[in-house]
Amino acid sequence: LALTRAIGDLYFKLPAYTENKNTGLIATPEIKMIELLNEEFGFIIIATDGLWQSVSPNEACDLVKQNLMPNE
């Protein structure tokens, strides 16, 4: 369900496809802009909320550091 909301699937969102029934799903993304002012950050993780239901932010960072940045 979280992935459907994030990627698309108009059939689950627009009233024309849902017989005017509210499905609770939205097609408008949540956007947050942050200006990075220094080089403290080595990477950015972009993910849907489905990831955070399974993996904590610390676990995700550890996975990136261990598997994608082995020399850091």
N, C-alpha and C. Protein backbone atom coordinates (compact mmCIF):
# COMPACT_ATOMS: atom_id res chain seq x y z
N LEU A 1 0.83 -1.19 0.00
CA LEU A 1 0.00 0.00 0.00
C LEU A 1 0.87 1.25 0.00
N ALA A 2 1.91 1.29 0.82
CA ALA A 2 2.78 2.47 0.87
C ALA A 2 3.44 2.69 -0.48
N LEU A 3 3.87 1.63 -1.12
CA LEU A 3 4.52 1.76 -2.42
C LEU A 3 3.54 2.25 -3.48
N THR A 4 2.31 1.80 -3.44
CA THR A 4 1.29 2.27 -4.37
C THR A 4 1.10 3.77 -4.23
N ARG A 5 1.04 4.25 -3.02
CA ARG A 5 0.84 5.68 -2.79
C ARG A 5 2.04 6.46 -3.30
N ALA A 6 3.23 5.94 -3.12
CA ALA A 6 4.43 6.67 -3.49
C ALA A 6 4.64 6.72 -5.00
N ILE A 7 4.38 5.64 -5.69
CA ILE A 7 4.72 5.55 -7.11
C ILE A 7 3.60 6.00 -8.03
N GLY A 8 2.42 5.67 -7.74
CA GLY A 8 1.35 6.04 -8.66
C GLY A 8 0.12 5.20 -8.44
N ASP A 9 -0.41 4.64 -9.51
CA ASP A 9 -1.61 3.82 -9.47
C ASP A 9 -2.87 4.66 -9.33
N LEU A 10 -3.20 5.38 -10.38
CA LEU A 10 -4.37 6.24 -10.38
C LEU A 10 -5.65 5.49 -10.04
N TYR A 11 -5.69 4.22 -10.34
CA TYR A 11 -6.91 3.45 -10.10
C TYR A 11 -7.28 3.39 -8.62
N PHE A 12 -6.30 3.60 -7.75
CA PHE A 12 -6.57 3.57 -6.31
C PHE A 12 -6.76 4.96 -5.72
N LYS A 13 -6.66 6.02 -6.56
CA LYS A 13 -6.67 7.37 -6.01
C LYS A 13 -7.76 8.28 -6.55
N LEU A 14 -7.96 8.27 -7.84
CA LEU A 14 -8.87 9.24 -8.45
C LEU A 14 -10.33 8.79 -8.35
N PRO A 15 -11.22 9.71 -7.99
CA PRO A 15 -12.64 9.38 -7.87
C PRO A 15 -13.22 8.75 -9.14
N ALA A 16 -12.72 9.14 -10.31
CA ALA A 16 -13.22 8.58 -11.56
C ALA A 16 -13.00 7.07 -11.64
N TYR A 17 -11.98 6.59 -10.96
CA TYR A 17 -11.68 5.16 -10.98
C TYR A 17 -12.20 4.42 -9.75
N THR A 18 -12.59 5.14 -8.73
CA THR A 18 -13.01 4.50 -7.47
C THR A 18 -14.50 4.66 -7.21
N GLU A 19 -15.25 5.00 -8.25
CA GLU A 19 -16.70 5.22 -8.13
C GLU A 19 -17.00 6.29 -7.09
N ASN A 20 -16.16 7.33 -7.07
CA ASN A 20 -16.28 8.46 -6.14
C ASN A 20 -16.17 8.08 -4.68
N LYS A 21 -15.58 6.93 -4.40
CA LYS A 21 -15.36 6.51 -3.01
C LYS A 21 -13.96 6.95 -2.59
N ASN A 22 -13.84 7.47 -1.39
CA ASN A 22 -12.55 7.89 -0.87
C ASN A 22 -11.76 6.67 -0.45
N THR A 23 -10.57 6.50 -1.01
CA THR A 23 -9.72 5.36 -0.66
C THR A 23 -8.73 5.69 0.44
N GLY A 24 -8.57 6.99 0.73
CA GLY A 24 -7.59 7.40 1.73
C GLY A 24 -6.20 7.55 1.18
N LEU A 25 -6.01 7.24 -0.10
CA LEU A 25 -4.70 7.37 -0.73
C LEU A 25 -4.60 8.72 -1.41
N ILE A 26 -3.40 9.28 -1.44
CA ILE A 26 -3.19 10.56 -2.10
C ILE A 26 -2.10 10.43 -3.15
N ALA A 27 -2.15 11.29 -4.15
CA ALA A 27 -1.13 11.30 -5.19
C ALA A 27 -0.15 12.45 -5.00
N THR A 28 -0.32 13.23 -3.95
CA THR A 28 0.54 14.37 -3.71
C THR A 28 1.69 13.94 -2.80
N PRO A 29 2.93 14.05 -3.27
CA PRO A 29 4.06 13.62 -2.43
C PRO A 29 4.33 14.60 -1.30
N GLU A 30 4.93 14.09 -0.25
CA GLU A 30 5.41 14.96 0.82
C GLU A 30 6.84 15.34 0.46
N ILE A 31 7.12 16.61 0.41
CA ILE A 31 8.45 17.08 -0.01
C ILE A 31 9.07 17.89 1.11
N LYS A 32 10.32 17.60 1.38
CA LYS A 32 11.06 18.33 2.41
C LYS A 32 12.40 18.74 1.80
N MET A 33 12.70 20.03 1.84
CA MET A 33 13.96 20.53 1.29
C MET A 33 14.87 20.94 2.44
N ILE A 34 16.10 20.46 2.38
CA ILE A 34 17.10 20.79 3.39
C ILE A 34 18.37 21.21 2.66
N GLU A 35 18.90 22.35 3.02
CA GLU A 35 20.14 22.80 2.41
C GLU A 35 21.31 22.23 3.22
N LEU A 36 22.19 21.51 2.54
CA LEU A 36 23.35 20.94 3.20
C LEU A 36 24.48 21.95 3.11
N LEU A 37 24.89 22.47 4.26
CA LEU A 37 25.86 23.56 4.29
C LEU A 37 27.30 23.09 4.48
N ASN A 38 27.48 21.81 4.74
CA ASN A 38 28.85 21.32 4.92
C ASN A 38 28.98 19.93 4.33
N GLU A 39 30.17 19.38 4.41
CA GLU A 39 30.43 18.05 3.83
C GLU A 39 30.33 16.94 4.88
N GLU A 40 29.64 17.22 5.95
CA GLU A 40 29.49 16.24 7.02
C GLU A 40 28.74 15.00 6.54
N PHE A 41 27.83 15.17 5.59
CA PHE A 41 27.00 14.08 5.11
C PHE A 41 27.69 13.36 3.94
N GLY A 42 27.85 12.05 4.06
CA GLY A 42 28.49 11.28 3.01
C GLY A 42 27.51 10.71 2.00
N PHE A 43 26.23 10.68 2.33
CA PHE A 43 25.23 10.12 1.43
C PHE A 43 23.85 10.57 1.88
N ILE A 44 22.88 10.38 0.99
CA ILE A 44 21.48 10.67 1.30
C ILE A 44 20.68 9.42 0.96
N ILE A 45 19.81 9.01 1.82
CA ILE A 45 18.92 7.88 1.57
C ILE A 45 17.56 8.43 1.17
N ILE A 46 17.11 8.05 -0.02
CA ILE A 46 15.79 8.44 -0.50
C ILE A 46 14.95 7.18 -0.54
N ALA A 47 13.85 7.17 0.20
CA ALA A 47 13.06 5.95 0.31
C ALA A 47 11.60 6.29 0.58
N THR A 48 10.74 5.33 0.34
CA THR A 48 9.33 5.49 0.70
C THR A 48 9.17 5.13 2.17
N ASP A 49 8.01 5.46 2.71
CA ASP A 49 7.77 5.17 4.13
C ASP A 49 7.78 3.67 4.41
N GLY A 50 7.63 2.84 3.39
CA GLY A 50 7.68 1.40 3.58
C GLY A 50 9.02 0.92 4.12
N LEU A 51 10.10 1.59 3.73
CA LEU A 51 11.42 1.21 4.25
C LEU A 51 11.48 1.42 5.75
N TRP A 52 10.98 2.56 6.20
CA TRP A 52 11.09 2.92 7.61
C TRP A 52 10.18 2.07 8.50
N GLN A 53 9.27 1.30 7.89
CA GLN A 53 8.46 0.36 8.66
C GLN A 53 9.27 -0.90 8.99
N SER A 54 10.35 -1.12 8.23
CA SER A 54 11.15 -2.34 8.40
C SER A 54 12.53 -2.07 8.96
N VAL A 55 13.08 -0.90 8.66
CA VAL A 55 14.47 -0.60 8.99
C VAL A 55 14.52 0.75 9.70
N SER A 56 15.25 0.84 10.78
CA SER A 56 15.40 2.12 11.47
C SER A 56 16.38 3.00 10.68
N PRO A 57 16.34 4.31 10.88
CA PRO A 57 17.30 5.18 10.20
C PRO A 57 18.75 4.79 10.50
N ASN A 58 19.05 4.41 11.72
CA ASN A 58 20.41 4.00 12.06
C ASN A 58 20.82 2.73 11.32
N GLU A 59 19.89 1.76 11.23
CA GLU A 59 20.17 0.52 10.50
C GLU A 59 20.42 0.82 9.02
N ALA A 60 19.61 1.70 8.43
CA ALA A 60 19.78 2.04 7.02
C ALA A 60 21.15 2.69 6.79
N CYS A 61 21.54 3.59 7.66
CA CYS A 61 22.86 4.23 7.54
C CYS A 61 23.98 3.21 7.69
N ASP A 62 23.84 2.31 8.64
CA ASP A 62 24.86 1.27 8.83
C ASP A 62 24.98 0.39 7.59
N LEU A 63 23.84 0.03 6.98
CA LEU A 63 23.87 -0.79 5.76
C LEU A 63 24.59 -0.08 4.62
N VAL A 64 24.33 1.21 4.46
CA VAL A 64 25.01 1.98 3.41
C VAL A 64 26.50 2.02 3.69
N LYS A 65 26.86 2.32 4.91
CA LYS A 65 28.28 2.43 5.26
C LYS A 65 29.02 1.10 5.07
N GLN A 66 28.38 -0.01 5.43
CA GLN A 66 29.02 -1.32 5.33
C GLN A 66 29.10 -1.84 3.90
N ASN A 67 28.07 -1.54 3.09
CA ASN A 67 27.98 -2.18 1.78
C ASN A 67 28.31 -1.26 0.59
N LEU A 68 28.06 0.00 0.72
CA LEU A 68 28.29 0.91 -0.40
C LEU A 68 29.49 1.82 -0.19
N MET A 69 29.93 1.93 1.04
CA MET A 69 31.06 2.80 1.35
C MET A 69 32.08 2.04 2.20
N PRO A 70 32.60 0.91 1.71
CA PRO A 70 33.47 0.08 2.55
C PRO A 70 34.78 0.73 2.97
N ASN A 71 35.22 1.75 2.26
CA ASN A 71 36.50 2.39 2.59
C ASN A 71 36.35 3.54 3.57
N GLU A 72 35.14 3.85 4.00
CA GLU A 72 34.92 4.98 4.91
C GLU A 72 35.18 4.57 6.33
